[in-house]
Amino acid sequence: MMSELIDPVEEENFEEISSDEVDRVVSNLETLAETVESENIRAYLEDAINNIYYLVYDEEDLEDDIAEAA
């Protein structure tokens, strides 16, 4: 039950992130990932892309995007 309560400090630090901003950042990171030679750096960038994407989207959105691209 205690885990269901929202910590007032956490609630104050909540940041609203727009899907437009996420889309822009993901696009820029994808462009950057295409330019790097290091597989390690590319892997970190892909992790960042996924983490940022899931700030506002869920897996169903990703599946929809993939289906639309096909």
Protein backbone atom coordinates (compact mmCIF):
# COMPACT_ATOMS: atom_id res chain seq x y z
CA MET A 1 0.00 0.00 0.00
CA MET A 2 2.75 2.41 0.83
CA SER A 3 4.22 2.02 -2.65
CA GLU A 4 0.95 3.31 -4.11
CA LEU A 5 1.36 6.66 -2.41
CA ILE A 6 3.00 9.38 -4.45
CA ASP A 7 5.92 11.03 -2.76
CA PRO A 8 5.22 14.80 -2.77
CA VAL A 9 8.86 15.50 -3.56
CA GLU A 10 8.70 13.24 -6.63
CA GLU A 11 5.48 14.87 -7.76
CA GLU A 12 7.08 18.31 -7.59
CA ASN A 13 9.98 17.11 -9.73
CA PHE A 14 7.72 15.63 -12.41
CA GLU A 15 8.55 17.05 -15.79
CA GLU A 16 6.09 17.14 -18.67
CA ILE A 17 7.83 15.97 -21.83
CA SER A 18 6.17 16.56 -25.17
CA SER A 19 6.07 13.94 -27.88
CA ASP A 20 7.39 16.58 -30.30
CA GLU A 21 10.52 17.00 -28.22
CA VAL A 22 10.99 13.25 -27.93
CA ASP A 23 10.53 12.83 -31.69
CA ARG A 24 13.08 15.57 -32.39
CA VAL A 25 15.68 14.17 -29.99
CA VAL A 26 15.20 10.60 -31.21
CA SER A 27 15.57 11.75 -34.81
CA ASN A 28 18.77 13.63 -34.01
CA LEU A 29 20.21 10.67 -32.12
CA GLU A 30 19.35 8.33 -35.00
CA THR A 31 21.16 10.65 -37.39
CA LEU A 32 24.14 10.77 -35.06
CA ALA A 33 24.16 6.97 -34.65
CA GLU A 34 24.42 6.61 -38.42
CA THR A 35 27.62 8.66 -38.44
CA VAL A 36 29.63 6.90 -35.73
CA GLU A 37 32.06 4.13 -36.51
CA SER A 38 32.29 2.64 -33.04
CA GLU A 39 29.85 -0.19 -32.36
CA ASN A 40 30.07 0.59 -28.63
CA ILE A 41 29.07 4.21 -29.12
CA ARG A 42 26.30 3.18 -31.52
CA ALA A 43 24.97 0.73 -28.92
CA TYR A 44 24.90 3.48 -26.28
CA LEU A 45 23.12 5.81 -28.68
CA GLU A 46 20.55 3.12 -29.49
CA ASP A 47 19.96 2.58 -25.77
CA ALA A 48 19.50 6.31 -25.35
CA ILE A 49 17.10 6.40 -28.30
CA ASN A 50 15.00 3.62 -26.78
CA ASN A 51 15.01 5.14 -23.29
CA ILE A 52 14.00 8.55 -24.58
CA TYR A 53 11.33 7.09 -26.88
CA TYR A 54 9.69 5.25 -23.98
CA LEU A 55 9.42 8.45 -21.95
CA VAL A 56 6.22 9.22 -23.84
CA TYR A 57 5.48 6.18 -25.99
CA ASP A 58 4.84 2.55 -25.15
CA GLU A 59 5.58 -0.68 -27.02
CA GLU A 60 2.25 -0.58 -28.87
CA ASP A 61 3.20 2.80 -30.34
CA LEU A 62 6.49 1.35 -31.56
CA GLU A 63 4.70 -1.60 -33.16
CA ASP A 64 2.27 0.82 -34.85
CA ASP A 65 5.17 2.90 -36.18
CA ILE A 66 6.86 -0.20 -37.58
CA ALA A 67 3.62 -1.37 -39.21
CA GLU A 68 3.06 2.05 -40.79
CA ALA A 69 6.60 2.11 -42.18
CA ALA A 70 6.11 -1.27 -43.89
